[in-house]
Amino acid sequence: MSSDHAHYWSVFFFVLILYAYHHGIFRSSTSLQAFIQQFGKYAVMIFVLLQVIQVIIPILPGGISSVAGMLMFGNGFGLLYSCIGLVIGEAIGFLLVRYYGVAFVQLILSPKKYQKFDELLTRKTKDIKKVLVVTLLLPFAPDDLICLVAGLTKLSFREFMQIVIFLKPWSVGVYSMIMLFLFHQAQGHL
C-alpha cells in the first residue's frame, strides 16, 4: 500500500472514530450494535475492523465490543469475529511498535501506565513471554498493553504471534462470557 493510500485510510478511520464518539456509539453495547447493524451485509467486516482498531487505539471500554458481537452474530460467531479482529490488531500493534518504537507506545499509554510497563523492557525476552502468557490467561489483565510493550523487546514476531493465536481466544472467550452474563444480569434476563 502506498503512503498516500495509508494516509487516506488513516484519515477515514480517524473520521469514523470521531463520528462514533460524537454520536455516542461507544457508550453501550446496544448503541454499538445499532451502529454496526446499519452496515447490513458489511456488518461483520465493520465489526472486525472495529476490533482491530480498538487494540491499537483503546476506544471502547473493555468487553463492550465483544458482547455486541455475541449479541449480533451469536456466541460462536461473535467470539470468532472478535478473535479474528483482536489477533489482527495485536499483530498490527506489535509491528507498529517495532517500526515506531517507544514514541508509538507513549502515544497510546498515559505516562503513568508507560512507567509501569517500562520495567518490562529491561527484562529478558523470556520474562516478557511469561508476562504475555499470564496476561492472556487472565481475562481481565491488560493484555493489549502488554502486547504493545512486547513490540519493544527482542521477542520475535513469530513467537509473539504463536502465543497470541494460541491464548487470545481463551482470554476473549472467558472475558466475553463474563461480560455477557453481567450484561444479561443488568438487563434482567436471568
C-alpha atoms as a PDB file:
ATOM      1  CA  MET A   1       0.000   0.000   0.000  1.00  0.00           C
ATOM      2  CA  SER A   2       1.391   3.387  -0.948  1.00  0.00           C
ATOM      3  CA  SER A   3       1.854   6.103   1.653  1.00  0.00           C
ATOM      4  CA  ASP A   4      -0.986   8.080   0.006  1.00  0.00           C
ATOM      5  CA  HIS A   5      -3.373   5.158   0.456  1.00  0.00           C
ATOM      6  CA  ALA A   6      -2.222   4.649   4.034  1.00  0.00           C
ATOM      7  CA  HIS A   7      -2.812   8.345   4.708  1.00  0.00           C
ATOM      8  CA  TYR A   8      -6.352   8.197   3.288  1.00  0.00           C
ATOM      9  CA  TRP A   9      -7.193   5.097   5.332  1.00  0.00           C
ATOM     10  CA  SER A  10      -5.805   6.759   8.461  1.00  0.00           C
ATOM     11  CA  VAL A  11      -7.964   9.825   7.847  1.00  0.00           C
ATOM     12  CA  PHE A  12     -11.007   7.613   7.153  1.00  0.00           C
ATOM     13  CA  PHE A  13     -10.604   5.716  10.433  1.00  0.00           C
ATOM     14  CA  PHE A  14      -9.954   8.907  12.377  1.00  0.00           C
ATOM     15  CA  VAL A  15     -13.155  10.471  10.985  1.00  0.00           C
ATOM     16  CA  LEU A  16     -15.077   7.244  11.677  1.00  0.00           C
ATOM     17  CA  ILE A  17     -13.907   7.223  15.296  1.00  0.00           C
ATOM     18  CA  LEU A  18     -14.760  10.916  15.751  1.00  0.00           C
ATOM     19  CA  TYR A  19     -18.207  10.314  14.255  1.00  0.00           C
ATOM     20  CA  ALA A  20     -18.748   7.348  16.552  1.00  0.00           C
ATOM     21  CA  TYR A  21     -17.704   9.286  19.660  1.00  0.00           C
ATOM     22  CA  HIS A  22     -19.828  12.282  18.712  1.00  0.00           C
ATOM     23  CA  HIS A  23     -22.905  10.074  18.264  1.00  0.00           C
ATOM     24  CA  GLY A  24     -22.342   8.066  21.469  1.00  0.00           C
ATOM     25  CA  ILE A  25     -21.806   4.812  19.637  1.00  0.00           C
ATOM     26  CA  PHE A  26     -19.211   3.538  22.113  1.00  0.00           C
ATOM     27  CA  ARG A  27     -21.255   4.264  25.249  1.00  0.00           C
ATOM     28  CA  SER A  28     -23.032   0.933  25.355  1.00  0.00           C
ATOM     29  CA  SER A  29     -23.235  -2.436  23.692  1.00  0.00           C
ATOM     30  CA  THR A  30     -26.712  -1.561  22.398  1.00  0.00           C
ATOM     31  CA  SER A  31     -25.603   1.649  20.678  1.00  0.00           C
ATOM     32  CA  LEU A  32     -22.585  -0.137  19.202  1.00  0.00           C
ATOM     33  CA  GLN A  33     -24.846  -2.900  17.848  1.00  0.00           C
ATOM     34  CA  ALA A  34     -27.157  -0.353  16.227  1.00  0.00           C
ATOM     35  CA  PHE A  35     -24.186   1.363  14.594  1.00  0.00           C
ATOM     36  CA  ILE A  36     -22.717  -1.869  13.228  1.00  0.00           C
ATOM     37  CA  GLN A  37     -26.052  -3.297  12.048  1.00  0.00           C
ATOM     38  CA  GLN A  38     -26.691  -0.264   9.856  1.00  0.00           C
ATOM     39  CA  PHE A  39     -23.963  -1.576   7.541  1.00  0.00           C
ATOM     40  CA  GLY A  40     -26.127  -4.589   6.616  1.00  0.00           C
ATOM     41  CA  LYS A  41     -24.146  -7.263   4.807  1.00  0.00           C
ATOM     42  CA  TYR A  42     -20.920  -5.420   5.690  1.00  0.00           C
ATOM     43  CA  ALA A  43     -21.649  -5.521   9.431  1.00  0.00           C
ATOM     44  CA  VAL A  44     -19.204  -8.380  10.053  1.00  0.00           C
ATOM     45  CA  MET A  45     -16.423  -6.529   8.234  1.00  0.00           C
ATOM     46  CA  ILE A  46     -17.110  -3.310  10.193  1.00  0.00           C
ATOM     47  CA  PHE A  47     -17.188  -5.268  13.456  1.00  0.00           C
ATOM     48  CA  VAL A  48     -13.851  -6.963  12.728  1.00  0.00           C
ATOM     49  CA  LEU A  49     -12.324  -3.600  11.731  1.00  0.00           C
ATOM     50  CA  LEU A  50     -13.501  -2.037  14.991  1.00  0.00           C
ATOM     51  CA  GLN A  51     -11.913  -4.913  16.886  1.00  0.00           C
ATOM     52  CA  VAL A  52      -8.633  -4.367  15.011  1.00  0.00           C
ATOM     53  CA  ILE A  53      -8.694  -0.630  15.712  1.00  0.00           C
ATOM     54  CA  GLN A  54      -9.605  -0.955  19.375  1.00  0.00           C
ATOM     55  CA  VAL A  55      -6.448  -2.940  20.097  1.00  0.00           C
ATOM     56  CA  ILE A  56      -4.280  -0.158  18.703  1.00  0.00           C
ATOM     57  CA  ILE A  57      -6.401   2.788  19.828  1.00  0.00           C
ATOM     58  CA  PRO A  58      -8.305   1.909  23.003  1.00  0.00           C
ATOM     59  CA  ILE A  59     -11.646   3.492  22.019  1.00  0.00           C
ATOM     60  CA  LEU A  60     -14.023   1.118  23.758  1.00  0.00           C
ATOM     61  CA  PRO A  61     -14.428   0.132  27.372  1.00  0.00           C
ATOM     62  CA  GLY A  62     -13.303  -3.479  27.648  1.00  0.00           C
ATOM     63  CA  GLY A  63     -15.786  -6.112  26.617  1.00  0.00           C
ATOM     64  CA  ILE A  64     -18.438  -3.859  25.075  1.00  0.00           C
ATOM     65  CA  SER A  65     -17.487  -4.745  21.519  1.00  0.00           C
ATOM     66  CA  SER A  66     -17.178  -8.472  22.201  1.00  0.00           C
ATOM     67  CA  VAL A  67     -20.580  -8.530  23.904  1.00  0.00           C
ATOM     68  CA  ALA A  68     -22.046  -6.580  20.986  1.00  0.00           C
ATOM     69  CA  GLY A  69     -20.561  -9.136  18.595  1.00  0.00           C
ATOM     70  CA  MET A  70     -22.017 -12.054  20.534  1.00  0.00           C
ATOM     71  CA  LEU A  71     -25.441 -10.414  20.669  1.00  0.00           C
ATOM     72  CA  MET A  72     -25.410  -9.594  16.942  1.00  0.00           C
ATOM     73  CA  PHE A  73     -23.826 -12.703  15.478  1.00  0.00           C
ATOM     74  CA  GLY A  74     -24.430 -15.341  18.182  1.00  0.00           C
ATOM     75  CA  ASN A  75     -21.960 -16.526  20.802  1.00  0.00           C
ATOM     76  CA  GLY A  76     -19.843 -18.684  18.482  1.00  0.00           C
ATOM     77  CA  PHE A  77     -19.568 -16.363  15.501  1.00  0.00           C
ATOM     78  CA  GLY A  78     -19.378 -13.288  17.731  1.00  0.00           C
ATOM     79  CA  LEU A  79     -16.374 -14.777  19.539  1.00  0.00           C
ATOM     80  CA  LEU A  80     -14.822 -15.901  16.260  1.00  0.00           C
ATOM     81  CA  TYR A  81     -15.138 -12.432  14.698  1.00  0.00           C
ATOM     82  CA  SER A  82     -13.839 -10.832  17.896  1.00  0.00           C
ATOM     83  CA  CYS A  83     -10.808 -13.115  17.939  1.00  0.00           C
ATOM     84  CA  ILE A  84     -10.057 -12.512  14.267  1.00  0.00           C
ATOM     85  CA  GLY A  85     -10.132  -8.741  14.713  1.00  0.00           C
ATOM     86  CA  LEU A  86      -8.266  -8.746  18.009  1.00  0.00           C
ATOM     87  CA  VAL A  87      -5.482 -11.061  16.806  1.00  0.00           C
ATOM     88  CA  ILE A  88      -5.012  -8.958  13.659  1.00  0.00           C
ATOM     89  CA  GLY A  89      -4.991  -5.840  15.839  1.00  0.00           C
ATOM     90  CA  GLU A  90      -2.369  -7.344  18.161  1.00  0.00           C
ATOM     91  CA  ALA A  91      -0.173  -8.167  15.152  1.00  0.00           C
ATOM     92  CA  ILE A  92      -0.520  -4.661  13.703  1.00  0.00           C
ATOM     93  CA  GLY A  93       0.104  -3.055  17.094  1.00  0.00           C
ATOM     94  CA  PHE A  94       3.226  -5.161  17.649  1.00  0.00           C
ATOM     95  CA  LEU A  95       4.567  -4.256  14.199  1.00  0.00           C
ATOM     96  CA  LEU A  96       3.765  -0.547  14.637  1.00  0.00           C
ATOM     97  CA  VAL A  97       5.699  -0.545  17.902  1.00  0.00           C
ATOM     98  CA  ARG A  98       8.585  -2.362  16.212  1.00  0.00           C
ATOM     99  CA  TYR A  99       8.643   0.288  13.494  1.00  0.00           C
ATOM    100  CA  TYR A 100       7.988   3.473  15.510  1.00  0.00           C
ATOM    101  CA  GLY A 101       9.415   2.377  18.867  1.00  0.00           C
ATOM    102  CA  VAL A 102       8.820   3.947  22.258  1.00  0.00           C
ATOM    103  CA  ALA A 103       7.207   7.056  20.754  1.00  0.00           C
ATOM    104  CA  PHE A 104       4.272   4.972  19.490  1.00  0.00           C
ATOM    105  CA  VAL A 105       3.735   3.274  22.852  1.00  0.00           C
ATOM    106  CA  GLN A 106       3.834   6.649  24.592  1.00  0.00           C
ATOM    107  CA  LEU A 107       1.104   7.906  22.241  1.00  0.00           C
ATOM    108  CA  ILE A 108      -1.158   5.074  23.365  1.00  0.00           C
ATOM    109  CA  LEU A 109      -0.280   4.831  27.068  1.00  0.00           C
ATOM    110  CA  SER A 110      -0.504   7.542  29.659  1.00  0.00           C
ATOM    111  CA  PRO A 111       2.856   8.430  31.255  1.00  0.00           C
ATOM    112  CA  LYS A 112       1.776   6.636  34.435  1.00  0.00           C
ATOM    113  CA  LYS A 113       0.883   3.418  32.580  1.00  0.00           C
ATOM    114  CA  TYR A 114       4.023   3.624  30.475  1.00  0.00           C
ATOM    115  CA  GLN A 115       6.185   3.795  33.622  1.00  0.00           C
ATOM    116  CA  LYS A 116       4.513   0.625  34.929  1.00  0.00           C
ATOM    117  CA  PHE A 117       5.366  -1.276  31.787  1.00  0.00           C
ATOM    118  CA  ASP A 118       8.766   0.318  31.219  1.00  0.00           C
ATOM    119  CA  GLU A 119      10.425  -2.048  33.692  1.00  0.00           C
ATOM    120  CA  LEU A 120       9.387  -4.970  31.485  1.00  0.00           C
ATOM    121  CA  LEU A 121      11.631  -3.566  28.781  1.00  0.00           C
ATOM    122  CA  THR A 122      14.735  -4.062  30.891  1.00  0.00           C
ATOM    123  CA  ARG A 123      13.953  -7.727  31.445  1.00  0.00           C
ATOM    124  CA  LYS A 124      14.955 -10.589  29.216  1.00  0.00           C
ATOM    125  CA  THR A 125      12.780 -11.780  26.335  1.00  0.00           C
ATOM    126  CA  LYS A 126      11.937 -14.870  28.378  1.00  0.00           C
ATOM    127  CA  ASP A 127      10.359 -12.642  31.037  1.00  0.00           C
ATOM    128  CA  ILE A 128       8.155 -10.783  28.552  1.00  0.00           C
ATOM    129  CA  LYS A 129       6.979 -14.149  27.220  1.00  0.00           C
ATOM    130  CA  LYS A 130       5.948 -15.193  30.722  1.00  0.00           C
ATOM    131  CA  VAL A 131       4.167 -11.890  31.341  1.00  0.00           C
ATOM    132  CA  LEU A 132       2.439 -12.119  27.956  1.00  0.00           C
ATOM    133  CA  VAL A 133       1.243 -15.673  28.646  1.00  0.00           C
ATOM    134  CA  VAL A 134      -0.027 -14.764  32.120  1.00  0.00           C
ATOM    135  CA  THR A 135      -1.882 -11.661  30.915  1.00  0.00           C
ATOM    136  CA  LEU A 136      -3.509 -13.649  28.114  1.00  0.00           C
ATOM    137  CA  LEU A 137      -4.560 -16.357  30.569  1.00  0.00           C
ATOM    138  CA  LEU A 138      -6.159 -13.846  32.944  1.00  0.00           C
ATOM    139  CA  PRO A 139      -9.246 -12.445  31.207  1.00  0.00           C
ATOM    140  CA  PHE A 140      -9.212  -9.019  32.881  1.00  0.00           C
ATOM    141  CA  ALA A 141      -5.455  -8.407  32.619  1.00  0.00           C
ATOM    142  CA  PRO A 142      -4.161  -5.611  30.340  1.00  0.00           C
ATOM    143  CA  ASP A 143      -3.074  -7.951  27.541  1.00  0.00           C
ATOM    144  CA  ASP A 144      -3.389  -5.355  24.748  1.00  0.00           C
ATOM    145  CA  LEU A 145      -0.947  -3.105  26.589  1.00  0.00           C
ATOM    146  CA  ILE A 146       1.490  -5.952  27.221  1.00  0.00           C
ATOM    147  CA  CYS A 147       1.309  -6.848  23.521  1.00  0.00           C
ATOM    148  CA  LEU A 148       2.327  -3.295  22.634  1.00  0.00           C
ATOM    149  CA  VAL A 149       5.176  -3.339  25.135  1.00  0.00           C
ATOM    150  CA  ALA A 150       6.295  -6.731  23.761  1.00  0.00           C
ATOM    151  CA  GLY A 151       6.986  -4.976  20.467  1.00  0.00           C
ATOM    152  CA  LEU A 152       9.788  -3.078  22.200  1.00  0.00           C
ATOM    153  CA  THR A 153      11.558  -6.271  23.284  1.00  0.00           C
ATOM    154  CA  LYS A 154      13.616  -8.812  21.354  1.00  0.00           C
ATOM    155  CA  LEU A 155      10.678 -11.233  21.241  1.00  0.00           C
ATOM    156  CA  SER A 156      10.340 -12.384  17.643  1.00  0.00           C
ATOM    157  CA  PHE A 157       7.152 -11.635  15.737  1.00  0.00           C
ATOM    158  CA  ARG A 158       6.725 -15.362  15.122  1.00  0.00           C
ATOM    159  CA  GLU A 159       6.911 -16.241  18.835  1.00  0.00           C
ATOM    160  CA  PHE A 160       4.621 -13.337  19.665  1.00  0.00           C
ATOM    161  CA  MET A 161       2.002 -14.483  17.157  1.00  0.00           C
ATOM    162  CA  GLN A 162       2.196 -18.109  18.314  1.00  0.00           C
ATOM    163  CA  ILE A 163       1.437 -17.014  21.872  1.00  0.00           C
ATOM    164  CA  VAL A 164      -1.336 -14.618  20.823  1.00  0.00           C
ATOM    165  CA  ILE A 165      -3.030 -17.036  18.401  1.00  0.00           C
ATOM    166  CA  PHE A 166      -2.948 -19.825  20.969  1.00  0.00           C
ATOM    167  CA  LEU A 167      -4.079 -17.839  24.040  1.00  0.00           C
ATOM    168  CA  LYS A 168      -6.110 -14.847  22.802  1.00  0.00           C
ATOM    169  CA  PRO A 169      -9.220 -16.957  22.068  1.00  0.00           C
ATOM    170  CA  TRP A 170      -9.185 -18.173  25.687  1.00  0.00           C
ATOM    171  CA  SER A 171      -8.882 -14.660  27.053  1.00  0.00           C
ATOM    172  CA  VAL A 172     -11.535 -13.229  24.728  1.00  0.00           C
ATOM    173  CA  GLY A 173     -13.884 -16.163  25.331  1.00  0.00           C
ATOM    174  CA  VAL A 174     -13.778 -16.074  29.123  1.00  0.00           C
ATOM    175  CA  TYR A 175     -13.869 -12.287  29.287  1.00  0.00           C
ATOM    176  CA  SER A 176     -16.742 -12.055  26.809  1.00  0.00           C
ATOM    177  CA  MET A 177     -18.824 -14.731  28.520  1.00  0.00           C
ATOM    178  CA  ILE A 178     -18.422 -12.978  31.876  1.00  0.00           C
ATOM    179  CA  MET A 179     -19.305  -9.623  30.329  1.00  0.00           C
ATOM    180  CA  LEU A 180     -22.307 -11.151  28.515  1.00  0.00           C
ATOM    181  CA  PHE A 181     -23.513 -12.683  31.782  1.00  0.00           C
ATOM    182  CA  LEU A 182     -23.195  -9.301  33.518  1.00  0.00           C
ATOM    183  CA  PHE A 183     -24.949  -7.601  30.591  1.00  0.00           C
ATOM    184  CA  HIS A 184     -27.870 -10.023  30.869  1.00  0.00           C
ATOM    185  CA  GLN A 185     -27.948  -9.542  34.643  1.00  0.00           C
ATOM    186  CA  ALA A 186     -28.130  -5.778  34.179  1.00  0.00           C
ATOM    187  CA  GLN A 187     -30.893  -6.212  31.591  1.00  0.00           C
ATOM    188  CA  GLY A 188     -32.813  -8.552  33.919  1.00  0.00           C
ATOM    189  CA  HIS A 189     -32.667 -11.526  31.519  1.00  0.00           C
ATOM    190  CA  LEU A 190     -31.545 -14.108  34.060  1.00  0.00           C
END
